[in-house]
Amino acid sequence: MSRRLPAAERRRQILRVARAVFGADGYHATSMNAVAEAAGVTKPVLYQHFESKEHLFLEVLRDVAGELRVGIRAALDAADGPRRRVEAGFTAYFRYFAADPAAFRVLFGDSSRTDPAFAAEVTRLERDIADHVAGLFPEDLPPDDRLLFAHGMVGLAESTSRYWTDLAPGMDAEVLAAKVAQVAWVGLRGRPVAPDAPLG
């Protein structure tokens, strides 16, 4: 049994442990017994802080989403110029999940997409990031287009992360961010062409 901690510190410790357990085994396969054991607490103590497994997972989701949201916004706001902001945003995104792979599995695992309460948290995060990213685009773009492209970039980051974590885990986060940012930036700065225009 671990030492007695103040309630707020204990809650934070349980959330960190639960993130790792949910990330490893998934929501449905994880029991409150498993979380309590990993956290070094009894089930009654666990239930003092979180009334159910659903409540615990929702708090873990919000924790991860909050950290990612803050990190990306800080990176975007600190970078100089639109091109650097695009790369800084991708770098913050990939660095976060490189440092904590369990966070990605919690945020984008099957349960986070199928359960309405969990899916709402993920959607809220994606919208928040897209709203912030939309401000990077040229002002001559219509607002609806800015938001559309911003959501596309959020989707690009997520789908690339899935490939990266499963098939190319050895790639450095900064290298990955530079590659993806280049693709995104060329697309944003490229001139529109007619749908039937020849390639090349």
N, C-alpha and C. Protein backbone atom coordinates (compact mmCIF):
# COMPACT_ATOMS: atom_id res chain seq x y z
N MET A 1 0.85 -1.19 0.00
CA MET A 1 0.00 0.00 0.00
C MET A 1 0.88 1.24 0.00
N SER A 2 0.57 2.22 -0.83
CA SER A 2 1.37 3.43 -0.92
C SER A 2 1.07 4.35 0.25
N ARG A 3 1.96 5.34 0.46
CA ARG A 3 1.81 6.26 1.59
C ARG A 3 0.53 7.08 1.43
N ARG A 4 0.07 7.61 2.56
CA ARG A 4 -1.14 8.41 2.55
C ARG A 4 -0.85 9.77 1.91
N LEU A 5 -1.66 10.16 0.95
CA LEU A 5 -1.47 11.41 0.25
C LEU A 5 -2.66 12.34 0.49
N PRO A 6 -2.45 13.64 0.40
CA PRO A 6 -3.59 14.56 0.42
C PRO A 6 -4.56 14.21 -0.70
N ALA A 7 -5.84 14.51 -0.51
CA ALA A 7 -6.87 14.07 -1.45
C ALA A 7 -6.60 14.52 -2.88
N ALA A 8 -6.21 15.78 -3.05
CA ALA A 8 -5.98 16.29 -4.41
C ALA A 8 -4.80 15.58 -5.07
N GLU A 9 -3.75 15.34 -4.29
CA GLU A 9 -2.58 14.65 -4.83
C GLU A 9 -2.91 13.20 -5.15
N ARG A 10 -3.70 12.56 -4.29
CA ARG A 10 -4.11 11.18 -4.55
C ARG A 10 -4.95 11.10 -5.82
N ARG A 11 -5.84 12.04 -6.01
CA ARG A 11 -6.67 12.05 -7.21
C ARG A 11 -5.80 12.16 -8.47
N ARG A 12 -4.81 13.05 -8.43
CA ARG A 12 -3.92 13.20 -9.57
C ARG A 12 -3.14 11.91 -9.83
N GLN A 13 -2.70 11.29 -8.76
CA GLN A 13 -1.94 10.04 -8.91
C GLN A 13 -2.80 8.94 -9.53
N ILE A 14 -4.05 8.84 -9.09
CA ILE A 14 -4.95 7.83 -9.65
C ILE A 14 -5.21 8.10 -11.13
N LEU A 15 -5.39 9.36 -11.48
CA LEU A 15 -5.64 9.70 -12.89
C LEU A 15 -4.46 9.31 -13.77
N ARG A 16 -3.24 9.54 -13.30
CA ARG A 16 -2.06 9.19 -14.09
C ARG A 16 -1.95 7.68 -14.25
N VAL A 17 -2.20 6.96 -13.17
CA VAL A 17 -2.13 5.50 -13.24
C VAL A 17 -3.25 4.96 -14.14
N ALA A 18 -4.45 5.49 -13.97
CA ALA A 18 -5.59 5.04 -14.78
C ALA A 18 -5.33 5.29 -16.26
N ARG A 19 -4.69 6.38 -16.59
CA ARG A 19 -4.36 6.65 -17.99
C ARG A 19 -3.49 5.52 -18.57
N ALA A 20 -2.49 5.12 -17.82
CA ALA A 20 -1.61 4.05 -18.29
C ALA A 20 -2.36 2.72 -18.42
N VAL A 21 -3.23 2.42 -17.45
CA VAL A 21 -3.96 1.15 -17.47
C VAL A 21 -4.98 1.13 -18.61
N PHE A 22 -5.75 2.20 -18.75
CA PHE A 22 -6.71 2.28 -19.85
C PHE A 22 -5.99 2.27 -21.20
N GLY A 23 -4.86 2.95 -21.26
CA GLY A 23 -4.10 2.98 -22.50
C GLY A 23 -3.57 1.62 -22.89
N ALA A 24 -3.22 0.82 -21.91
CA ALA A 24 -2.67 -0.51 -22.19
C ALA A 24 -3.76 -1.52 -22.54
N ASP A 25 -4.87 -1.49 -21.82
CA ASP A 25 -5.88 -2.56 -21.95
C ASP A 25 -7.19 -2.13 -22.58
N GLY A 26 -7.41 -0.83 -22.73
CA GLY A 26 -8.68 -0.36 -23.27
C GLY A 26 -9.72 -0.20 -22.16
N TYR A 27 -10.75 0.55 -22.47
CA TYR A 27 -11.77 0.85 -21.47
C TYR A 27 -12.51 -0.41 -21.01
N HIS A 28 -13.00 -1.19 -21.95
CA HIS A 28 -13.87 -2.32 -21.60
C HIS A 28 -13.11 -3.42 -20.86
N ALA A 29 -11.85 -3.61 -21.18
CA ALA A 29 -11.08 -4.68 -20.55
C ALA A 29 -10.47 -4.27 -19.21
N THR A 30 -10.59 -3.01 -18.86
CA THR A 30 -10.02 -2.51 -17.61
C THR A 30 -11.07 -2.52 -16.51
N SER A 31 -10.69 -3.06 -15.37
CA SER A 31 -11.60 -3.08 -14.22
C SER A 31 -11.14 -2.05 -13.19
N MET A 32 -12.06 -1.67 -12.35
CA MET A 32 -11.69 -0.76 -11.27
C MET A 32 -10.72 -1.45 -10.31
N ASN A 33 -10.83 -2.77 -10.18
CA ASN A 33 -9.86 -3.52 -9.37
C ASN A 33 -8.45 -3.33 -9.91
N ALA A 34 -8.32 -3.40 -11.24
CA ALA A 34 -7.01 -3.27 -11.86
C ALA A 34 -6.44 -1.88 -11.63
N VAL A 35 -7.28 -0.86 -11.73
CA VAL A 35 -6.81 0.51 -11.51
C VAL A 35 -6.40 0.69 -10.05
N ALA A 36 -7.23 0.19 -9.13
CA ALA A 36 -6.92 0.33 -7.71
C ALA A 36 -5.61 -0.36 -7.37
N GLU A 37 -5.42 -1.54 -7.89
CA GLU A 37 -4.19 -2.28 -7.62
C GLU A 37 -2.98 -1.54 -8.18
N ALA A 38 -3.09 -1.06 -9.41
CA ALA A 38 -1.97 -0.34 -10.03
C ALA A 38 -1.65 0.95 -9.29
N ALA A 39 -2.70 1.59 -8.75
CA ALA A 39 -2.50 2.85 -8.03
C ALA A 39 -2.08 2.65 -6.58
N GLY A 40 -2.15 1.40 -6.11
CA GLY A 40 -1.77 1.12 -4.73
C GLY A 40 -2.78 1.61 -3.72
N VAL A 41 -4.07 1.57 -4.11
CA VAL A 41 -5.13 1.98 -3.19
C VAL A 41 -6.18 0.88 -3.13
N THR A 42 -7.06 0.98 -2.15
CA THR A 42 -8.17 0.05 -2.07
C THR A 42 -9.31 0.52 -2.97
N LYS A 43 -10.22 -0.38 -3.31
CA LYS A 43 -11.36 0.03 -4.12
C LYS A 43 -12.21 1.09 -3.43
N PRO A 44 -12.44 1.00 -2.10
CA PRO A 44 -13.19 2.07 -1.45
C PRO A 44 -12.53 3.44 -1.62
N VAL A 45 -11.21 3.49 -1.54
CA VAL A 45 -10.51 4.76 -1.75
C VAL A 45 -10.70 5.24 -3.18
N LEU A 46 -10.61 4.32 -4.13
CA LEU A 46 -10.80 4.67 -5.54
C LEU A 46 -12.20 5.26 -5.75
N TYR A 47 -13.20 4.62 -5.16
CA TYR A 47 -14.58 5.09 -5.33
C TYR A 47 -14.87 6.38 -4.55
N GLN A 48 -14.02 6.71 -3.59
CA GLN A 48 -14.16 8.01 -2.94
C GLN A 48 -13.87 9.15 -3.92
N HIS A 49 -12.99 8.88 -4.87
CA HIS A 49 -12.58 9.90 -5.84
C HIS A 49 -13.37 9.83 -7.15
N PHE A 50 -13.77 8.62 -7.54
CA PHE A 50 -14.46 8.43 -8.82
C PHE A 50 -15.60 7.44 -8.62
N GLU A 51 -16.80 7.91 -8.92
CA GLU A 51 -17.98 7.13 -8.57
C GLU A 51 -18.18 5.89 -9.43
N SER A 52 -17.56 5.84 -10.59
CA SER A 52 -17.72 4.69 -11.49
C SER A 52 -16.55 4.64 -12.46
N LYS A 53 -16.43 3.54 -13.16
CA LYS A 53 -15.39 3.42 -14.17
C LYS A 53 -15.61 4.44 -15.29
N GLU A 54 -16.87 4.65 -15.65
CA GLU A 54 -17.18 5.63 -16.69
C GLU A 54 -16.73 7.02 -16.25
N HIS A 55 -17.01 7.38 -15.01
CA HIS A 55 -16.60 8.67 -14.48
C HIS A 55 -15.08 8.81 -14.50
N LEU A 56 -14.39 7.76 -14.09
CA LEU A 56 -12.93 7.78 -14.07
C LEU A 56 -12.37 7.96 -15.48
N PHE A 57 -12.89 7.20 -16.43
CA PHE A 57 -12.38 7.29 -17.80
C PHE A 57 -12.66 8.67 -18.40
N LEU A 58 -13.82 9.21 -18.09
CA LEU A 58 -14.17 10.53 -18.59
C LEU A 58 -13.20 11.58 -18.04
N GLU A 59 -12.83 11.45 -16.78
CA GLU A 59 -11.87 12.38 -16.20
C GLU A 59 -10.49 12.21 -16.82
N VAL A 60 -10.11 10.97 -17.11
CA VAL A 60 -8.83 10.73 -17.79
C VAL A 60 -8.84 11.37 -19.17
N LEU A 61 -9.94 11.21 -19.89
CA LEU A 61 -10.09 11.83 -21.21
C LEU A 61 -9.93 13.34 -21.12
N ARG A 62 -10.61 13.95 -20.17
CA ARG A 62 -10.54 15.40 -20.01
C ARG A 62 -9.15 15.85 -19.63
N ASP A 63 -8.47 15.04 -18.84
CA ASP A 63 -7.11 15.35 -18.44
C ASP A 63 -6.18 15.37 -19.66
N VAL A 64 -6.26 14.32 -20.46
CA VAL A 64 -5.44 14.22 -21.66
C VAL A 64 -5.77 15.35 -22.63
N ALA A 65 -7.07 15.57 -22.86
CA ALA A 65 -7.49 16.61 -23.79
C ALA A 65 -7.00 17.98 -23.34
N GLY A 66 -7.09 18.24 -22.04
CA GLY A 66 -6.64 19.53 -21.51
C GLY A 66 -5.15 19.75 -21.71
N GLU A 67 -4.35 18.73 -21.45
CA GLU A 67 -2.91 18.84 -21.63
C GLU A 67 -2.56 19.09 -23.09
N LEU A 68 -3.18 18.33 -23.98
CA LEU A 68 -2.89 18.48 -25.40
C LEU A 68 -3.33 19.85 -25.91
N ARG A 69 -4.50 20.28 -25.49
CA ARG A 69 -5.03 21.59 -25.91
C ARG A 69 -4.08 22.71 -25.49
N VAL A 70 -3.64 22.68 -24.24
CA VAL A 70 -2.75 23.72 -23.72
C VAL A 70 -1.42 23.70 -24.46
N GLY A 71 -0.87 22.51 -24.69
CA GLY A 71 0.42 22.39 -25.35
C GLY A 71 0.39 22.91 -26.78
N ILE A 72 -0.66 22.58 -27.52
CA ILE A 72 -0.75 23.03 -28.91
C ILE A 72 -0.96 24.53 -28.97
N ARG A 73 -1.85 25.05 -28.15
CA ARG A 73 -2.09 26.50 -28.17
C ARG A 73 -0.83 27.27 -27.82
N ALA A 74 -0.09 26.80 -26.82
CA ALA A 74 1.15 27.48 -26.43
C ALA A 74 2.16 27.46 -27.57
N ALA A 75 2.27 26.31 -28.25
CA ALA A 75 3.22 26.20 -29.36
C ALA A 75 2.83 27.12 -30.51
N LEU A 76 1.55 27.15 -30.85
CA LEU A 76 1.09 28.01 -31.93
C LEU A 76 1.31 29.48 -31.61
N ASP A 77 1.01 29.87 -30.39
CA ASP A 77 1.10 31.27 -30.00
C ASP A 77 2.55 31.74 -29.89
N ALA A 78 3.47 30.81 -29.59
CA ALA A 78 4.87 31.20 -29.41
C ALA A 78 5.64 31.26 -30.72
N ALA A 79 5.16 30.59 -31.76
CA ALA A 79 5.89 30.54 -33.03
C ALA A 79 5.72 31.85 -33.81
N ASP A 80 6.71 32.14 -34.63
CA ASP A 80 6.73 33.40 -35.38
C ASP A 80 6.36 33.14 -36.84
N GLY A 81 5.20 33.61 -37.25
CA GLY A 81 4.78 33.48 -38.64
C GLY A 81 3.95 32.24 -38.89
N PRO A 82 3.07 32.28 -39.90
CA PRO A 82 2.16 31.17 -40.18
C PRO A 82 2.86 29.85 -40.46
N ARG A 83 3.91 29.87 -41.26
CA ARG A 83 4.60 28.61 -41.61
C ARG A 83 5.19 27.95 -40.39
N ARG A 84 5.82 28.73 -39.53
CA ARG A 84 6.41 28.17 -38.31
C ARG A 84 5.33 27.71 -37.34
N ARG A 85 4.20 28.38 -37.35
CA ARG A 85 3.11 27.97 -36.46
C ARG A 85 2.55 26.63 -36.88
N VAL A 86 2.44 26.40 -38.17
CA VAL A 86 1.95 25.11 -38.65
C VAL A 86 2.86 23.99 -38.15
N GLU A 87 4.16 24.16 -38.33
CA GLU A 87 5.10 23.13 -37.88
C GLU A 87 5.11 23.01 -36.37
N ALA A 88 5.02 24.15 -35.67
CA ALA A 88 5.03 24.12 -34.20
C ALA A 88 3.81 23.36 -33.66
N GLY A 89 2.67 23.54 -34.31
CA GLY A 89 1.48 22.83 -33.87
C GLY A 89 1.61 21.33 -34.03
N PHE A 90 2.10 20.91 -35.19
CA PHE A 90 2.31 19.47 -35.41
C PHE A 90 3.38 18.93 -34.45
N THR A 91 4.43 19.71 -34.23
CA THR A 91 5.49 19.26 -33.32
C THR A 91 4.96 19.05 -31.92
N ALA A 92 4.17 20.00 -31.42
CA ALA A 92 3.59 19.85 -30.08
C ALA A 92 2.70 18.62 -30.00
N TYR A 93 1.93 18.39 -31.04
CA TYR A 93 1.01 17.24 -31.09
C TYR A 93 1.80 15.93 -31.02
N PHE A 94 2.78 15.79 -31.91
CA PHE A 94 3.53 14.53 -31.97
C PHE A 94 4.42 14.34 -30.76
N ARG A 95 5.01 15.41 -30.25
CA ARG A 95 5.83 15.29 -29.04
C ARG A 95 5.01 14.79 -27.86
N TYR A 96 3.80 15.30 -27.76
CA TYR A 96 2.95 14.92 -26.63
C TYR A 96 2.70 13.42 -26.62
N PHE A 97 2.34 12.88 -27.78
CA PHE A 97 2.04 11.45 -27.83
C PHE A 97 3.29 10.59 -27.84
N ALA A 98 4.43 11.13 -28.29
CA ALA A 98 5.69 10.40 -28.19
C ALA A 98 6.07 10.21 -26.73
N ALA A 99 5.82 11.23 -25.93
CA ALA A 99 6.14 11.16 -24.51
C ALA A 99 5.15 10.31 -23.72
N ASP A 100 3.92 10.19 -24.24
CA ASP A 100 2.88 9.46 -23.51
C ASP A 100 1.98 8.71 -24.50
N PRO A 101 2.45 7.58 -25.04
CA PRO A 101 1.66 6.83 -26.02
C PRO A 101 0.30 6.39 -25.48
N ALA A 102 0.20 6.14 -24.18
CA ALA A 102 -1.08 5.72 -23.60
C ALA A 102 -2.13 6.81 -23.79
N ALA A 103 -1.70 8.06 -23.80
CA ALA A 103 -2.64 9.16 -23.97
C ALA A 103 -3.32 9.09 -25.33
N PHE A 104 -2.57 8.71 -26.36
CA PHE A 104 -3.17 8.60 -27.69
C PHE A 104 -4.20 7.48 -27.72
N ARG A 105 -3.88 6.35 -27.11
CA ARG A 105 -4.81 5.22 -27.12
C ARG A 105 -6.07 5.54 -26.31
N VAL A 106 -5.92 6.31 -25.25
CA VAL A 106 -7.09 6.74 -24.48
C VAL A 106 -7.96 7.67 -25.31
N LEU A 107 -7.33 8.63 -25.95
CA LEU A 107 -8.06 9.68 -26.66
C LEU A 107 -8.71 9.16 -27.93
N PHE A 108 -8.04 8.27 -28.65
CA PHE A 108 -8.53 7.86 -29.96
C PHE A 108 -8.82 6.36 -30.08
N GLY A 109 -8.94 5.68 -28.94
CA GLY A 109 -9.30 4.27 -28.96
C GLY A 109 -10.77 4.08 -29.30
N ASP A 110 -11.15 2.83 -29.48
CA ASP A 110 -12.52 2.52 -29.92
C ASP A 110 -13.58 3.08 -28.98
N SER A 111 -13.35 2.95 -27.67
CA SER A 111 -14.36 3.40 -26.71
C SER A 111 -14.59 4.90 -26.77
N SER A 112 -13.54 5.64 -27.09
CA SER A 112 -13.67 7.09 -27.15
C SER A 112 -14.42 7.55 -28.38
N ARG A 113 -14.66 6.65 -29.31
CA ARG A 113 -15.41 6.97 -30.51
C ARG A 113 -16.84 6.44 -30.48
N THR A 114 -17.07 5.36 -29.74
CA THR A 114 -18.38 4.72 -29.77
C THR A 114 -19.29 5.15 -28.62
N ASP A 115 -18.73 5.47 -27.48
CA ASP A 115 -19.54 5.90 -26.34
C ASP A 115 -19.86 7.38 -26.50
N PRO A 116 -21.14 7.76 -26.48
CA PRO A 116 -21.51 9.17 -26.73
C PRO A 116 -20.83 10.17 -25.80
N ALA A 117 -20.75 9.85 -24.51
CA ALA A 117 -20.14 10.79 -23.56
C ALA A 117 -18.66 10.96 -23.84
N PHE A 118 -17.98 9.87 -24.14
CA PHE A 118 -16.55 9.94 -24.44
C PHE A 118 -16.31 10.63 -25.78
N ALA A 119 -17.10 10.28 -26.76
CA ALA A 119 -16.95 10.86 -28.09
C ALA A 119 -17.15 12.37 -28.06
N ALA A 120 -18.05 12.83 -27.20
CA ALA A 120 -18.30 14.26 -27.10
C ALA A 120 -17.06 15.00 -26.61
N GLU A 121 -16.31 14.40 -25.70
CA GLU A 121 -15.09 15.04 -25.21
C GLU A 121 -14.04 15.13 -26.32
N VAL A 122 -13.90 14.07 -27.11
CA VAL A 122 -12.93 14.07 -28.19
C VAL A 122 -13.33 15.09 -29.26
N THR A 123 -14.61 15.13 -29.58
CA THR A 123 -15.09 16.11 -30.55
C THR A 123 -14.86 17.53 -30.09
N ARG A 124 -15.08 17.77 -28.80
CA ARG A 124 -14.85 19.11 -28.24
C ARG A 124 -13.38 19.50 -28.37
N LEU A 125 -12.49 18.58 -28.10
CA LEU A 125 -11.06 18.84 -28.24
C LEU A 125 -10.72 19.16 -29.69
N GLU A 126 -11.20 18.35 -30.62
CA GLU A 126 -10.90 18.56 -32.03
C GLU A 126 -11.41 19.91 -32.52
N ARG A 127 -12.59 20.28 -32.06
CA ARG A 127 -13.15 21.58 -32.45
C ARG A 127 -12.34 22.73 -31.88
N ASP A 128 -11.91 22.59 -30.63
CA ASP A 128 -11.12 23.64 -30.00
C ASP A 128 -9.81 23.85 -30.74
N ILE A 129 -9.14 22.75 -31.07
CA ILE A 129 -7.87 22.86 -31.78
C ILE A 129 -8.10 23.44 -33.17
N ALA A 130 -9.12 22.96 -33.85
CA ALA A 130 -9.41 23.46 -35.21
C ALA A 130 -9.73 24.95 -35.18
N ASP A 131 -10.48 25.40 -34.19
CA ASP A 131 -10.79 26.83 -34.08
C ASP A 131 -9.52 27.65 -33.95
N HIS A 132 -8.57 27.13 -33.18
CA HIS A 132 -7.32 27.86 -32.99
C HIS A 132 -6.47 27.82 -34.26
N VAL A 133 -6.42 26.65 -34.90
CA VAL A 133 -5.63 26.50 -36.12
C VAL A 133 -6.18 27.37 -37.24
N ALA A 134 -7.50 27.53 -37.28
CA ALA A 134 -8.12 28.31 -38.36
C ALA A 134 -7.57 29.73 -38.43
N GLY A 135 -7.11 30.23 -37.31
CA GLY A 135 -6.54 31.57 -37.29
C GLY A 135 -5.19 31.69 -37.98
N LEU A 136 -4.59 30.55 -38.36
CA LEU A 136 -3.30 30.57 -39.05
C LEU A 136 -3.45 30.88 -40.53
N PHE A 137 -4.63 30.67 -41.07
CA PHE A 137 -4.79 30.72 -42.52
C PHE A 137 -4.91 32.15 -43.03
N PRO A 138 -4.58 32.35 -44.29
CA PRO A 138 -4.67 33.70 -44.87
C PRO A 138 -6.06 34.30 -44.71
N GLU A 139 -6.09 35.61 -44.46
CA GLU A 139 -7.36 36.28 -44.20
C GLU A 139 -8.25 36.35 -45.43
N ASP A 140 -7.66 36.14 -46.62
CA ASP A 140 -8.50 36.20 -47.82
C ASP A 140 -9.31 34.94 -48.03
N LEU A 141 -9.05 33.91 -47.22
CA LEU A 141 -9.87 32.70 -47.29
C LEU A 141 -11.19 32.95 -46.56
N PRO A 142 -12.31 32.47 -47.10
CA PRO A 142 -13.58 32.60 -46.38
C PRO A 142 -13.51 31.87 -45.04
N PRO A 143 -14.17 32.39 -44.00
CA PRO A 143 -14.12 31.76 -42.68
C PRO A 143 -14.51 30.29 -42.68
N ASP A 144 -15.52 29.93 -43.47
CA ASP A 144 -15.92 28.52 -43.52
C ASP A 144 -14.81 27.64 -44.08
N ASP A 145 -14.08 28.16 -45.06
CA ASP A 145 -12.97 27.40 -45.63
C ASP A 145 -11.83 27.25 -44.62
N ARG A 146 -11.58 28.29 -43.87
CA ARG A 146 -10.54 28.21 -42.85
C ARG A 146 -10.84 27.10 -41.85
N LEU A 147 -12.09 27.05 -41.41
CA LEU A 147 -12.47 26.02 -40.44
C LEU A 147 -12.43 24.63 -41.07
N LEU A 148 -12.86 24.54 -42.31
CA LEU A 148 -12.82 23.26 -43.01
C LEU A 148 -11.39 22.74 -43.10
N PHE A 149 -10.47 23.60 -43.53
CA PHE A 149 -9.08 23.19 -43.66
C PHE A 149 -8.45 22.89 -42.31
N ALA A 150 -8.86 23.64 -41.29
CA ALA A 150 -8.32 23.40 -39.94
C ALA A 150 -8.71 22.02 -39.44
N HIS A 151 -9.96 21.63 -39.67
CA HIS A 151 -10.37 20.28 -39.27
C HIS A 151 -9.61 19.23 -40.08
N GLY A 152 -9.33 19.54 -41.34
CA GLY A 152 -8.53 18.62 -42.14
C GLY A 152 -7.14 18.42 -41.56
N MET A 153 -6.55 19.49 -41.04
CA MET A 153 -5.22 19.37 -40.44
C MET A 153 -5.26 18.58 -39.14
N VAL A 154 -6.33 18.77 -38.37
CA VAL A 154 -6.49 17.97 -37.15
C VAL A 154 -6.61 16.49 -37.50
N GLY A 155 -7.39 16.19 -38.54
CA GLY A 155 -7.51 14.80 -38.98
C GLY A 155 -6.20 14.25 -39.51
N LEU A 156 -5.44 15.09 -40.20
CA LEU A 156 -4.13 14.68 -40.70
C LEU A 156 -3.20 14.30 -39.56
N ALA A 157 -3.21 15.09 -38.51
CA ALA A 157 -2.36 14.80 -37.36
C ALA A 157 -2.77 13.47 -36.71
N GLU A 158 -4.06 13.25 -36.55
CA GLU A 158 -4.51 12.02 -35.90
C GLU A 158 -4.18 10.78 -36.74
N SER A 159 -4.51 10.83 -38.03
CA SER A 159 -4.27 9.65 -38.87
C SER A 159 -2.78 9.37 -39.02
N THR A 160 -1.97 10.42 -39.09
CA THR A 160 -0.53 10.22 -39.15
C THR A 160 -0.02 9.60 -37.86
N SER A 161 -0.57 10.02 -36.74
CA SER A 161 -0.16 9.45 -35.46
C SER A 161 -0.49 7.97 -35.38
N ARG A 162 -1.61 7.57 -35.96
CA ARG A 162 -1.97 6.14 -35.95
C ARG A 162 -0.92 5.33 -36.71
N TYR A 163 -0.54 5.83 -37.87
CA TYR A 163 0.49 5.14 -38.65
C TYR A 163 1.81 5.15 -37.88
N TRP A 164 2.16 6.29 -37.33
CA TRP A 164 3.43 6.46 -36.64
C TRP A 164 3.55 5.51 -35.44
N THR A 165 2.52 5.47 -34.61
CA THR A 165 2.59 4.65 -33.40
C THR A 165 2.57 3.16 -33.72
N ASP A 166 1.88 2.77 -34.80
CA ASP A 166 1.75 1.35 -35.13
C ASP A 166 2.87 0.83 -36.03
N LEU A 167 3.29 1.64 -37.00
CA LEU A 167 4.17 1.12 -38.05
C LEU A 167 5.52 1.82 -38.14
N ALA A 168 5.64 3.00 -37.60
CA ALA A 168 6.92 3.71 -37.70
C ALA A 168 7.28 4.38 -36.37
N PRO A 169 7.27 3.62 -35.27
CA PRO A 169 7.46 4.24 -33.97
C PRO A 169 8.86 4.82 -33.76
N GLY A 170 9.81 4.42 -34.57
CA GLY A 170 11.17 4.91 -34.39
C GLY A 170 11.40 6.30 -34.94
N MET A 171 10.47 6.84 -35.72
CA MET A 171 10.67 8.16 -36.30
C MET A 171 10.58 9.24 -35.24
N ASP A 172 11.54 10.17 -35.28
CA ASP A 172 11.58 11.27 -34.33
C ASP A 172 10.37 12.18 -34.52
N ALA A 173 9.82 12.67 -33.40
CA ALA A 173 8.62 13.52 -33.46
C ALA A 173 8.86 14.79 -34.26
N GLU A 174 10.04 15.39 -34.11
CA GLU A 174 10.34 16.62 -34.84
C GLU A 174 10.46 16.38 -36.34
N VAL A 175 11.07 15.24 -36.70
CA VAL A 175 11.20 14.89 -38.12
C VAL A 175 9.82 14.65 -38.72
N LEU A 176 8.99 13.92 -38.00
CA LEU A 176 7.64 13.65 -38.46
C LEU A 176 6.86 14.96 -38.62
N ALA A 177 6.96 15.83 -37.64
CA ALA A 177 6.24 17.10 -37.70
C ALA A 177 6.68 17.93 -38.91
N ALA A 178 7.97 17.96 -39.18
CA ALA A 178 8.47 18.72 -40.31
C ALA A 178 7.93 18.18 -41.63
N LYS A 179 7.86 16.87 -41.76
CA LYS A 179 7.35 16.26 -42.98
C LYS A 179 5.86 16.57 -43.17
N VAL A 180 5.09 16.39 -42.12
CA VAL A 180 3.65 16.61 -42.22
C VAL A 180 3.35 18.09 -42.41
N ALA A 181 4.09 18.95 -41.73
CA ALA A 181 3.89 20.38 -41.89
C ALA A 181 4.18 20.82 -43.32
N GLN A 182 5.19 20.22 -43.94
CA GLN A 182 5.52 20.57 -45.32
C GLN A 182 4.36 20.22 -46.25
N VAL A 183 3.79 19.04 -46.06
CA VAL A 183 2.64 18.63 -46.87
C VAL A 183 1.48 19.59 -46.67
N ALA A 184 1.19 19.90 -45.41
CA ALA A 184 0.07 20.79 -45.10
C ALA A 184 0.30 22.19 -45.66
N TRP A 185 1.51 22.69 -45.52
CA TRP A 185 1.80 24.06 -45.96
C TRP A 185 1.75 24.17 -47.48
N VAL A 186 2.31 23.19 -48.18
CA VAL A 186 2.25 23.21 -49.65
C VAL A 186 0.79 23.20 -50.10
N GLY A 187 -0.02 22.40 -49.44
CA GLY A 187 -1.44 22.36 -49.79
C GLY A 187 -2.13 23.68 -49.54
N LEU A 188 -1.80 24.32 -48.43
CA LEU A 188 -2.43 25.59 -48.09
C LEU A 188 -2.00 26.71 -49.03
N ARG A 189 -0.75 26.68 -49.44
CA ARG A 189 -0.21 27.77 -50.25
C ARG A 189 -0.34 27.52 -51.75
N GLY A 190 -0.69 26.28 -52.13
CA GLY A 190 -0.81 25.98 -53.54
C GLY A 190 -1.97 26.70 -54.19
N ARG A 191 -1.84 26.96 -55.48
CA ARG A 191 -2.91 27.64 -56.20
C ARG A 191 -4.00 26.66 -56.57
N PRO A 192 -5.26 27.05 -56.42
CA PRO A 192 -6.35 26.19 -56.84
C PRO A 192 -6.27 25.92 -58.34
N VAL A 193 -6.63 24.71 -58.75
CA VAL A 193 -6.66 24.37 -60.16
C VAL A 193 -8.01 23.76 -60.49
N ALA A 194 -8.35 23.79 -61.75
CA ALA A 194 -9.61 23.19 -62.17
C ALA A 194 -9.58 21.67 -61.95
N PRO A 195 -10.72 21.05 -61.61
CA PRO A 195 -10.75 19.61 -61.35
C PRO A 195 -10.24 18.77 -62.52
N ASP A 196 -10.41 19.25 -63.77
CA ASP A 196 -10.01 18.47 -64.93
C ASP A 196 -8.65 18.90 -65.47
N ALA A 197 -7.90 19.71 -64.68
CA ALA A 197 -6.58 20.16 -65.15
C ALA A 197 -5.63 18.98 -65.18
N PRO A 198 -4.75 18.90 -66.18
CA PRO A 198 -3.78 17.78 -66.26
C PRO A 198 -2.79 17.84 -65.11
N LEU A 199 -2.30 16.69 -64.67
CA LEU A 199 -1.30 16.62 -63.62
C LEU A 199 0.06 16.96 -64.19
N GLY A 200 0.97 17.40 -63.31
CA GLY A 200 2.33 17.65 -63.75
C GLY A 200 2.55 19.09 -64.12
